[in-house]
Amino acid sequence: MAAAVVRSLGSSLGKNLREIRLHLCQTSAASKGARDFVEQHYVTLKTANPHFPILIRECSGVQARLWARYDFGRESSVAVDNMSVDQVAKALQTLVQSKP
């Protein structure tokens, strides 16, 4: 399912967004879904959006969170702690399609 969501986003990230940031812990079990999402889908997203900033921020002990920055510096985030890869992809899709 996550692969289908990533494919459906394609090169549309830049339409509503200015930046995506994913904060995660390198070792915690709560960030496993976020780490797996990066390992499995980052290359696909970046290949489809080569000039769009997709930032991965690793910090020990941090809560896994997905941030989206829109026009005029507006930001929205969603916690992705204890989520599966599919749930992280769905959260990304929701952020991409929403406007703050």
PDB file of N, CA and C in Angstrom:
ATOM      1  N   MET A   1       0.811  -1.191   0.000  1.00  0.00           N
ATOM      2  CA  MET A   1       0.000   0.000   0.000  1.00  0.00           C
ATOM      3  C   MET A   1       0.860   1.262   0.000  1.00  0.00           C
ATOM      4  N   ALA A   2       1.934   1.283   0.770  1.00  0.00           N
ATOM      5  CA  ALA A   2       2.793   2.470   0.839  1.00  0.00           C
ATOM      6  C   ALA A   2       3.377   2.792  -0.530  1.00  0.00           C
ATOM      7  N   ALA A   3       3.764   1.758  -1.267  1.00  0.00           N
ATOM      8  CA  ALA A   3       4.327   1.988  -2.596  1.00  0.00           C
ATOM      9  C   ALA A   3       3.302   2.642  -3.515  1.00  0.00           C
ATOM     10  N   ALA A   4       2.046   2.229  -3.404  1.00  0.00           N
ATOM     11  CA  ALA A   4       0.992   2.828  -4.223  1.00  0.00           C
ATOM     12  C   ALA A   4       0.781   4.292  -3.859  1.00  0.00           C
ATOM     13  N   VAL A   5       0.829   4.604  -2.581  1.00  0.00           N
ATOM     14  CA  VAL A   5       0.671   5.994  -2.137  1.00  0.00           C
ATOM     15  C   VAL A   5       1.827   6.838  -2.662  1.00  0.00           C
ATOM     16  N   VAL A   6       3.049   6.334  -2.546  1.00  0.00           N
ATOM     17  CA  VAL A   6       4.224   7.067  -3.010  1.00  0.00           C
ATOM     18  C   VAL A   6       4.148   7.285  -4.515  1.00  0.00           C
ATOM     19  N   ARG A   7       3.737   6.264  -5.263  1.00  0.00           N
ATOM     20  CA  ARG A   7       3.586   6.411  -6.712  1.00  0.00           C
ATOM     21  C   ARG A   7       2.507   7.423  -7.056  1.00  0.00           C
ATOM     22  N   SER A   8       1.407   7.437  -6.288  1.00  0.00           N
ATOM     23  CA  SER A   8       0.317   8.364  -6.580  1.00  0.00           C
ATOM     24  C   SER A   8       0.737   9.811  -6.325  1.00  0.00           C
ATOM     25  N   LEU A   9       1.653  10.013  -5.372  1.00  0.00           N
ATOM     26  CA  LEU A   9       2.151  11.370  -5.120  1.00  0.00           C
ATOM     27  C   LEU A   9       3.018  11.845  -6.281  1.00  0.00           C
ATOM     28  N   GLY A  10       3.786  10.908  -6.828  1.00  0.00           N
ATOM     29  CA  GLY A  10       4.612  11.219  -7.987  1.00  0.00           C
ATOM     30  C   GLY A  10       5.393  12.500  -7.825  1.00  0.00           C
ATOM     31  N   SER A  11       5.295  13.374  -8.815  1.00  0.00           N
ATOM     32  CA  SER A  11       6.031  14.637  -8.784  1.00  0.00           C
ATOM     33  C   SER A  11       5.144  15.788  -8.326  1.00  0.00           C
ATOM     34  N   SER A  12       4.077  15.474  -7.581  1.00  0.00           N
ATOM     35  CA  SER A  12       3.126  16.508  -7.162  1.00  0.00           C
ATOM     36  C   SER A  12       3.473  17.156  -5.831  1.00  0.00           C
ATOM     37  N   LEU A  13       4.597  16.818  -5.246  1.00  0.00           N
ATOM     38  CA  LEU A  13       4.934  17.351  -3.931  1.00  0.00           C
ATOM     39  C   LEU A  13       5.064  18.873  -3.944  1.00  0.00           C
ATOM     40  N   GLY A  14       5.616  19.427  -4.989  1.00  0.00           N
ATOM     41  CA  GLY A  14       5.863  20.851  -5.047  1.00  0.00           C
ATOM     42  C   GLY A  14       4.649  21.716  -5.303  1.00  0.00           C
ATOM     43  N   LYS A  15       3.498  21.135  -5.561  1.00  0.00           N
ATOM     44  CA  LYS A  15       2.312  21.932  -5.862  1.00  0.00           C
ATOM     45  C   LYS A  15       1.805  22.691  -4.637  1.00  0.00           C
ATOM     46  N   ASN A  16       1.663  22.029  -3.515  1.00  0.00           N
ATOM     47  CA  ASN A  16       1.159  22.661  -2.294  1.00  0.00           C
ATOM     48  C   ASN A  16       2.249  22.915  -1.266  1.00  0.00           C
ATOM     49  N   LEU A  17       3.345  22.186  -1.354  1.00  0.00           N
ATOM     50  CA  LEU A  17       4.371  22.200  -0.307  1.00  0.00           C
ATOM     51  C   LEU A  17       5.634  22.925  -0.730  1.00  0.00           C
ATOM     52  N   ARG A  18       6.410  23.318   0.263  1.00  0.00           N
ATOM     53  CA  ARG A  18       7.740  23.887   0.037  1.00  0.00           C
ATOM     54  C   ARG A  18       8.828  22.970   0.585  1.00  0.00           C
ATOM     55  N   GLU A  19       8.462  22.097   1.554  1.00  0.00           N
ATOM     56  CA  GLU A  19       9.467  21.232   2.178  1.00  0.00           C
ATOM     57  C   GLU A  19       8.772  20.141   2.980  1.00  0.00           C
ATOM     58  N   ILE A  20       9.413  18.983   3.043  1.00  0.00           N
ATOM     59  CA  ILE A  20       8.975  17.893   3.924  1.00  0.00           C
ATOM     60  C   ILE A  20      10.152  17.536   4.819  1.00  0.00           C
ATOM     61  N   ARG A  21       9.879  17.392   6.122  1.00  0.00           N
ATOM     62  CA  ARG A  21      10.894  16.960   7.078  1.00  0.00           C
ATOM     63  C   ARG A  21      10.355  15.769   7.851  1.00  0.00           C
ATOM     64  N   LEU A  22      11.218  14.799   8.039  1.00  0.00           N
ATOM     65  CA  LEU A  22      10.873  13.639   8.849  1.00  0.00           C
ATOM     66  C   LEU A  22      11.878  13.557   9.986  1.00  0.00           C
ATOM     67  N   HIS A  23      11.393  13.715  11.213  1.00  0.00           N
ATOM     68  CA  HIS A  23      12.233  13.591  12.398  1.00  0.00           C
ATOM     69  C   HIS A  23      12.059  12.175  12.942  1.00  0.00           C
ATOM     70  N   LEU A  24      13.160  11.506  13.237  1.00  0.00           N
ATOM     71  CA  LEU A  24      13.070  10.139  13.750  1.00  0.00           C
ATOM     72  C   LEU A  24      14.287   9.805  14.595  1.00  0.00           C
ATOM     73  N   CYS A  25      14.137   8.764  15.384  1.00  0.00           N
ATOM     74  CA  CYS A  25      15.229   8.238  16.201  1.00  0.00           C
ATOM     75  C   CYS A  25      15.857   7.062  15.452  1.00  0.00           C
ATOM     76  N   GLN A  26      17.176   6.985  15.489  1.00  0.00           N
ATOM     77  CA  GLN A  26      17.872   5.915  14.760  1.00  0.00           C
ATOM     78  C   GLN A  26      17.670   4.537  15.375  1.00  0.00           C
ATOM     79  N   THR A  27      17.309   4.481  16.666  1.00  0.00           N
ATOM     80  CA  THR A  27      17.305   3.184  17.340  1.00  0.00           C
ATOM     81  C   THR A  27      15.978   2.791  17.980  1.00  0.00           C
ATOM     82  N   SER A  28      15.090   3.729  18.247  1.00  0.00           N
ATOM     83  CA  SER A  28      13.887   3.386  19.010  1.00  0.00           C
ATOM     84  C   SER A  28      12.905   2.554  18.190  1.00  0.00           C
ATOM     85  N   ALA A  29      12.194   1.695  18.875  1.00  0.00           N
ATOM     86  CA  ALA A  29      11.179   0.862  18.231  1.00  0.00           C
ATOM     87  C   ALA A  29      10.021   1.712  17.715  1.00  0.00           C
ATOM     88  N   ALA A  30       9.742   2.832  18.381  1.00  0.00           N
ATOM     89  CA  ALA A  30       8.636   3.700  17.973  1.00  0.00           C
ATOM     90  C   ALA A  30       8.890   4.351  16.615  1.00  0.00           C
ATOM     91  N   SER A  31      10.155   4.502  16.231  1.00  0.00           N
ATOM     92  CA  SER A  31      10.500   5.122  14.950  1.00  0.00           C
ATOM     93  C   SER A  31      10.736   4.099  13.841  1.00  0.00           C
ATOM     94  N   LYS A  32      10.502   2.830  14.109  1.00  0.00           N
ATOM     95  CA  LYS A  32      10.789   1.792  13.114  1.00  0.00           C
ATOM     96  C   LYS A  32      10.034   2.005  11.807  1.00  0.00           C
ATOM     97  N   GLY A  33       8.750   2.338  11.875  1.00  0.00           N
ATOM     98  CA  GLY A  33       7.972   2.566  10.657  1.00  0.00           C
ATOM     99  C   GLY A  33       8.511   3.729   9.842  1.00  0.00           C
ATOM    100  N   ALA A  34       8.935   4.786  10.529  1.00  0.00           N
ATOM    101  CA  ALA A  34       9.510   5.948   9.845  1.00  0.00           C
ATOM    102  C   ALA A  34      10.842   5.582   9.190  1.00  0.00           C
ATOM    103  N   ARG A  35      11.684   4.830   9.910  1.00  0.00           N
ATOM    104  CA  ARG A  35      12.974   4.401   9.335  1.00  0.00           C
ATOM    105  C   ARG A  35      12.751   3.508   8.125  1.00  0.00           C
ATOM    106  N   ASP A  36      11.815   2.573   8.245  1.00  0.00           N
ATOM    107  CA  ASP A  36      11.523   1.673   7.128  1.00  0.00           C
ATOM    108  C   ASP A  36      10.964   2.446   5.937  1.00  0.00           C
ATOM    109  N   PHE A  37      10.141   3.463   6.196  1.00  0.00           N
ATOM    110  CA  PHE A  37       9.605   4.291   5.110  1.00  0.00           C
ATOM    111  C   PHE A  37      10.744   4.974   4.352  1.00  0.00           C
ATOM    112  N   VAL A  38      11.699   5.511   5.095  1.00  0.00           N
ATOM    113  CA  VAL A  38      12.838   6.167   4.457  1.00  0.00           C
ATOM    114  C   VAL A  38      13.639   5.167   3.636  1.00  0.00           C
ATOM    115  N   GLU A  39      13.922   4.003   4.212  1.00  0.00           N
ATOM    116  CA  GLU A  39      14.706   2.986   3.508  1.00  0.00           C
ATOM    117  C   GLU A  39      14.022   2.507   2.235  1.00  0.00           C
ATOM    118  N   GLN A  40      12.703   2.377   2.261  1.00  0.00           N
ATOM    119  CA  GLN A  40      11.973   1.795   1.143  1.00  0.00           C
ATOM    120  C   GLN A  40      11.496   2.810   0.109  1.00  0.00           C
ATOM    121  N   HIS A  41      11.247   4.070   0.531  1.00  0.00           N
ATOM    122  CA  HIS A  41      10.559   4.990  -0.382  1.00  0.00           C
ATOM    123  C   HIS A  41      11.239   6.332  -0.618  1.00  0.00           C
ATOM    124  N   TYR A  42      12.297   6.648   0.120  1.00  0.00           N
ATOM    125  CA  TYR A  42      12.958   7.939  -0.066  1.00  0.00           C
ATOM    126  C   TYR A  42      13.480   8.096  -1.498  1.00  0.00           C
ATOM    127  N   VAL A  43      14.148   7.085  -2.009  1.00  0.00           N
ATOM    128  CA  VAL A  43      14.742   7.176  -3.347  1.00  0.00           C
ATOM    129  C   VAL A  43      13.662   7.416  -4.398  1.00  0.00           C
ATOM    130  N   THR A  44      12.535   6.728  -4.281  1.00  0.00           N
ATOM    131  CA  THR A  44      11.440   6.912  -5.227  1.00  0.00           C
ATOM    132  C   THR A  44      10.903   8.335  -5.180  1.00  0.00           C
ATOM    133  N   LEU A  45      10.674   8.846  -3.977  1.00  0.00           N
ATOM    134  CA  LEU A  45      10.178  10.222  -3.835  1.00  0.00           C
ATOM    135  C   LEU A  45      11.188  11.233  -4.363  1.00  0.00           C
ATOM    136  N   LYS A  46      12.445  11.060  -4.029  1.00  0.00           N
ATOM    137  CA  LYS A  46      13.468  12.019  -4.441  1.00  0.00           C
ATOM    138  C   LYS A  46      13.709  11.959  -5.947  1.00  0.00           C
ATOM    139  N   THR A  47      13.625  10.778  -6.533  1.00  0.00           N
ATOM    140  CA  THR A  47      13.790  10.642  -7.976  1.00  0.00           C
ATOM    141  C   THR A  47      12.662  11.361  -8.718  1.00  0.00           C
ATOM    142  N   ALA A  48      11.448  11.261  -8.197  1.00  0.00           N
ATOM    143  CA  ALA A  48      10.299  11.917  -8.823  1.00  0.00           C
ATOM    144  C   ALA A  48      10.292  13.425  -8.564  1.00  0.00           C
ATOM    145  N   ASN A  49      10.986  13.867  -7.517  1.00  0.00           N
ATOM    146  CA  ASN A  49      11.016  15.280  -7.127  1.00  0.00           C
ATOM    147  C   ASN A  49      12.452  15.706  -6.841  1.00  0.00           C
ATOM    148  N   PRO A  50      13.314  15.759  -7.866  1.00  0.00           N
ATOM    149  CA  PRO A  50      14.749  15.971  -7.619  1.00  0.00           C
ATOM    150  C   PRO A  50      15.099  17.325  -7.006  1.00  0.00           C
ATOM    151  N   HIS A  51      14.293  18.353  -7.226  1.00  0.00           N
ATOM    152  CA  HIS A  51      14.620  19.681  -6.715  1.00  0.00           C
ATOM    153  C   HIS A  51      13.801  20.059  -5.484  1.00  0.00           C
ATOM    154  N   PHE A  52      12.994  19.132  -5.005  1.00  0.00           N
ATOM    155  CA  PHE A  52      12.136  19.388  -3.846  1.00  0.00           C
ATOM    156  C   PHE A  52      12.856  18.954  -2.576  1.00  0.00           C
ATOM    157  N   PRO A  53      12.906  19.824  -1.536  1.00  0.00           N
ATOM    158  CA  PRO A  53      13.615  19.446  -0.305  1.00  0.00           C
ATOM    159  C   PRO A  53      12.848  18.423   0.531  1.00  0.00           C
ATOM    160  N   ILE A  54      13.432  17.240   0.655  1.00  0.00           N
ATOM    161  CA  ILE A  54      12.916  16.190   1.523  1.00  0.00           C
ATOM    162  C   ILE A  54      14.020  15.929   2.536  1.00  0.00           C
ATOM    163  N   LEU A  55      13.795  16.365   3.766  1.00  0.00           N
ATOM    164  CA  LEU A  55      14.842  16.328   4.783  1.00  0.00           C
ATOM    165  C   LEU A  55      14.568  15.236   5.808  1.00  0.00           C
ATOM    166  N   ILE A  56      15.593  14.466   6.107  1.00  0.00           N
ATOM    167  CA  ILE A  56      15.513  13.414   7.114  1.00  0.00           C
ATOM    168  C   ILE A  56      16.393  13.845   8.276  1.00  0.00           C
ATOM    169  N   ARG A  57      15.786  13.995   9.450  1.00  0.00           N
ATOM    170  CA  ARG A  57      16.509  14.442  10.633  1.00  0.00           C
ATOM    171  C   ARG A  57      16.503  13.327  11.673  1.00  0.00           C
ATOM    172  N   GLU A  58      17.690  12.822  11.972  1.00  0.00           N
ATOM    173  CA  GLU A  58      17.825  11.757  12.960  1.00  0.00           C
ATOM    174  C   GLU A  58      18.379  12.344  14.254  1.00  0.00           C
ATOM    175  N   CYS A  59      17.748  11.997  15.352  1.00  0.00           N
ATOM    176  CA  CYS A  59      18.197  12.462  16.660  1.00  0.00           C
ATOM    177  C   CYS A  59      17.814  11.409  17.697  1.00  0.00           C
ATOM    178  N   SER A  60      18.735  11.073  18.543  1.00  0.00           N
ATOM    179  CA  SER A  60      18.488  10.047  19.542  1.00  0.00           C
ATOM    180  C   SER A  60      17.376  10.458  20.502  1.00  0.00           C
ATOM    181  N   GLY A  61      16.394   9.587  20.648  1.00  0.00           N
ATOM    182  CA  GLY A  61      15.317   9.788  21.610  1.00  0.00           C
ATOM    183  C   GLY A  61      14.193  10.707  21.169  1.00  0.00           C
ATOM    184  N   VAL A  62      14.216  11.202  19.943  1.00  0.00           N
ATOM    185  CA  VAL A  62      13.185  12.130  19.474  1.00  0.00           C
ATOM    186  C   VAL A  62      11.920  11.360  19.073  1.00  0.00           C
ATOM    187  N   GLN A  63      10.773  12.020  19.216  1.00  0.00           N
ATOM    188  CA  GLN A  63       9.512  11.429  18.770  1.00  0.00           C
ATOM    189  C   GLN A  63       9.463  11.503  17.243  1.00  0.00           C
ATOM    190  N   ALA A  64       9.086  10.410  16.603  1.00  0.00           N
ATOM    191  CA  ALA A  64       8.977  10.406  15.144  1.00  0.00           C
ATOM    192  C   ALA A  64       7.833  11.328  14.731  1.00  0.00           C
ATOM    193  N   ARG A  65       8.141  12.266  13.840  1.00  0.00           N
ATOM    194  CA  ARG A  65       7.152  13.267  13.426  1.00  0.00           C
ATOM    195  C   ARG A  65       7.425  13.671  11.989  1.00  0.00           C
ATOM    196  N   LEU A  66       6.366  13.827  11.222  1.00  0.00           N
ATOM    197  CA  LEU A  66       6.435  14.242   9.829  1.00  0.00           C
ATOM    198  C   LEU A  66       5.942  15.679   9.742  1.00  0.00           C
ATOM    199  N   TRP A  67       6.776  16.568   9.198  1.00  0.00           N
ATOM    200  CA  TRP A  67       6.462  17.991   9.079  1.00  0.00           C
ATOM    201  C   TRP A  67       6.295  18.361   7.615  1.00  0.00           C
ATOM    202  N   ALA A  68       5.364  19.239   7.333  1.00  0.00           N
ATOM    203  CA  ALA A  68       5.184  19.792   5.996  1.00  0.00           C
ATOM    204  C   ALA A  68       5.199  21.307   6.109  1.00  0.00           C
ATOM    205  N   ARG A  69       6.006  21.957   5.275  1.00  0.00           N
ATOM    206  CA  ARG A  69       6.038  23.421   5.253  1.00  0.00           C
ATOM    207  C   ARG A  69       5.385  23.885   3.965  1.00  0.00           C
ATOM    208  N   TYR A  70       4.429  24.785   4.103  1.00  0.00           N
ATOM    209  CA  TYR A  70       3.657  25.311   2.982  1.00  0.00           C
ATOM    210  C   TYR A  70       4.113  26.739   2.672  1.00  0.00           C
ATOM    211  N   ASP A  71       3.411  27.412   1.786  1.00  0.00           N
ATOM    212  CA  ASP A  71       3.700  28.812   1.465  1.00  0.00           C
ATOM    213  C   ASP A  71       3.642  29.681   2.713  1.00  0.00           C
ATOM    214  N   PHE A  72       4.366  30.771   2.674  1.00  0.00           N
ATOM    215  CA  PHE A  72       4.385  31.776   3.740  1.00  0.00           C
ATOM    216  C   PHE A  72       4.855  31.197   5.081  1.00  0.00           C
ATOM    217  N   GLY A  73       5.636  30.123   5.055  1.00  0.00           N
ATOM    218  CA  GLY A  73       6.215  29.556   6.262  1.00  0.00           C
ATOM    219  C   GLY A  73       5.263  28.778   7.149  1.00  0.00           C
ATOM    220  N   ARG A  74       4.048  28.560   6.706  1.00  0.00           N
ATOM    221  CA  ARG A  74       3.096  27.780   7.514  1.00  0.00           C
ATOM    222  C   ARG A  74       3.553  26.331   7.557  1.00  0.00           C
ATOM    223  N   GLU A  75       3.427  25.740   8.742  1.00  0.00           N
ATOM    224  CA  GLU A  75       3.843  24.348   8.911  1.00  0.00           C
ATOM    225  C   GLU A  75       2.738  23.539   9.570  1.00  0.00           C
ATOM    226  N   SER A  76       2.739  22.272   9.241  1.00  0.00           N
ATOM    227  CA  SER A  76       1.812  21.324   9.844  1.00  0.00           C
ATOM    228  C   SER A  76       2.605  20.054  10.115  1.00  0.00           C
ATOM    229  N   SER A  77       2.243  19.350  11.175  1.00  0.00           N
ATOM    230  CA  SER A  77       2.971  18.115  11.481  1.00  0.00           C
ATOM    231  C   SER A  77       2.015  17.061  12.008  1.00  0.00           C
ATOM    232  N   VAL A  78       2.476  15.842  11.926  1.00  0.00           N
ATOM    233  CA  VAL A  78       1.724  14.722  12.459  1.00  0.00           C
ATOM    234  C   VAL A  78       2.731  13.748  13.084  1.00  0.00           C
ATOM    235  N   ALA A  79       2.405  13.250  14.261  1.00  0.00           N
ATOM    236  CA  ALA A  79       3.261  12.274  14.925  1.00  0.00           C
ATOM    237  C   ALA A  79       3.132  10.934  14.210  1.00  0.00           C
ATOM    238  N   VAL A  80       4.260  10.305  13.941  1.00  0.00           N
ATOM    239  CA  VAL A  80       4.254   8.999  13.276  1.00  0.00           C
ATOM    240  C   VAL A  80       4.913   7.938  14.154  1.00  0.00           C
ATOM    241  N   ASP A  81       4.910   8.169  15.464  1.00  0.00           N
ATOM    242  CA  ASP A  81       5.405   7.164  16.412  1.00  0.00           C
ATOM    243  C   ASP A  81       4.556   5.904  16.320  1.00  0.00           C
ATOM    244  N   ASN A  82       5.204   4.767  16.385  1.00  0.00           N
ATOM    245  CA  ASN A  82       4.529   3.458  16.403  1.00  0.00           C
ATOM    246  C   ASN A  82       3.635   3.226  15.191  1.00  0.00           C
ATOM    247  N   MET A  83       3.937   3.865  14.080  1.00  0.00           N
ATOM    248  CA  MET A  83       3.166   3.641  12.852  1.00  0.00           C
ATOM    249  C   MET A  83       3.932   2.683  11.952  1.00  0.00           C
ATOM    250  N   SER A  84       3.175   1.995  11.111  1.00  0.00           N
ATOM    251  CA  SER A  84       3.787   1.125  10.106  1.00  0.00           C
ATOM    252  C   SER A  84       4.201   1.973   8.903  1.00  0.00           C
ATOM    253  N   VAL A  85       4.904   1.359   7.977  1.00  0.00           N
ATOM    254  CA  VAL A  85       5.308   2.042   6.745  1.00  0.00           C
ATOM    255  C   VAL A  85       4.074   2.568   6.009  1.00  0.00           C
ATOM    256  N   ASP A  86       3.035   1.763   5.923  1.00  0.00           N
ATOM    257  CA  ASP A  86       1.819   2.168   5.226  1.00  0.00           C
ATOM    258  C   ASP A  86       1.156   3.367   5.905  1.00  0.00           C
ATOM    259  N   GLN A  87       1.155   3.378   7.218  1.00  0.00           N
ATOM    260  CA  GLN A  87       0.547   4.490   7.948  1.00  0.00           C
ATOM    261  C   GLN A  87       1.360   5.776   7.780  1.00  0.00           C
ATOM    262  N   VAL A  88       2.677   5.667   7.731  1.00  0.00           N
ATOM    263  CA  VAL A  88       3.522   6.837   7.489  1.00  0.00           C
ATOM    264  C   VAL A  88       3.254   7.387   6.092  1.00  0.00           C
ATOM    265  N   ALA A  89       3.129   6.501   5.109  1.00  0.00           N
ATOM    266  CA  ALA A  89       2.828   6.939   3.742  1.00  0.00           C
ATOM    267  C   ALA A  89       1.474   7.635   3.679  1.00  0.00           C
ATOM    268  N   LYS A  90       0.493   7.107   4.383  1.00  0.00           N
ATOM    269  CA  LYS A  90      -0.838   7.719   4.414  1.00  0.00           C
ATOM    270  C   LYS A  90      -0.785   9.091   5.086  1.00  0.00           C
ATOM    271  N   ALA A  91       0.009   9.225   6.152  1.00  0.00           N
ATOM    272  CA  ALA A  91       0.171  10.519   6.817  1.00  0.00           C
ATOM    273  C   ALA A  91       0.818  11.530   5.875  1.00  0.00           C
ATOM    274  N   LEU A  92       1.806  11.093   5.101  1.00  0.00           N
ATOM    275  CA  LEU A  92       2.430  11.971   4.115  1.00  0.00           C
ATOM    276  C   LEU A  92       1.419  12.408   3.067  1.00  0.00           C
ATOM    277  N   GLN A  93       0.626  11.472   2.586  1.00  0.00           N
ATOM    278  CA  GLN A  93      -0.393  11.801   1.589  1.00  0.00           C
ATOM    279  C   GLN A  93      -1.382  12.829   2.139  1.00  0.00           C
ATOM    280  N   THR A  94      -1.778  12.668   3.381  1.00  0.00           N
ATOM    281  CA  THR A  94      -2.707  13.617   4.010  1.00  0.00           C
ATOM    282  C   THR A  94      -2.094  15.007   4.090  1.00  0.00           C
ATOM    283  N   LEU A  95      -0.819  15.098   4.483  1.00  0.00           N
ATOM    284  CA  LEU A  95      -0.157  16.395   4.568  1.00  0.00           C
ATOM    285  C   LEU A  95      -0.004  17.042   3.190  1.00  0.00           C
ATOM    286  N   VAL A  96       0.309  16.236   2.187  1.00  0.00           N
ATOM    287  CA  VAL A  96       0.493  16.765   0.835  1.00  0.00           C
ATOM    288  C   VAL A  96      -0.818  17.321   0.295  1.00  0.00           C
ATOM    289  N   GLN A  97      -1.906  16.651   0.568  1.00  0.00           N
ATOM    290  CA  GLN A  97      -3.204  17.048   0.008  1.00  0.00           C
ATOM    291  C   GLN A  97      -3.895  18.137   0.810  1.00  0.00           C
ATOM    292  N   SER A  98      -3.461  18.383   2.049  1.00  0.00           N
ATOM    293  CA  SER A  98      -4.131  19.388   2.871  1.00  0.00           C
ATOM    294  C   SER A  98      -3.467  20.743   2.703  1.00  0.00           C
ATOM    295  N   LYS A  99      -4.189  21.767   3.082  1.00  0.00           N
ATOM    296  CA  LYS A  99      -3.638  23.116   3.107  1.00  0.00           C
ATOM    297  C   LYS A  99      -3.870  23.674   4.499  1.00  0.00           C
ATOM    298  N   PRO A 100      -2.852  24.249   5.113  1.00  0.00           N
ATOM    299  CA  PRO A 100      -3.005  24.712   6.502  1.00  0.00           C
ATOM    300  C   PRO A 100      -3.925  25.922   6.624  1.00  0.00           C
TER     301      PRO A 100
END
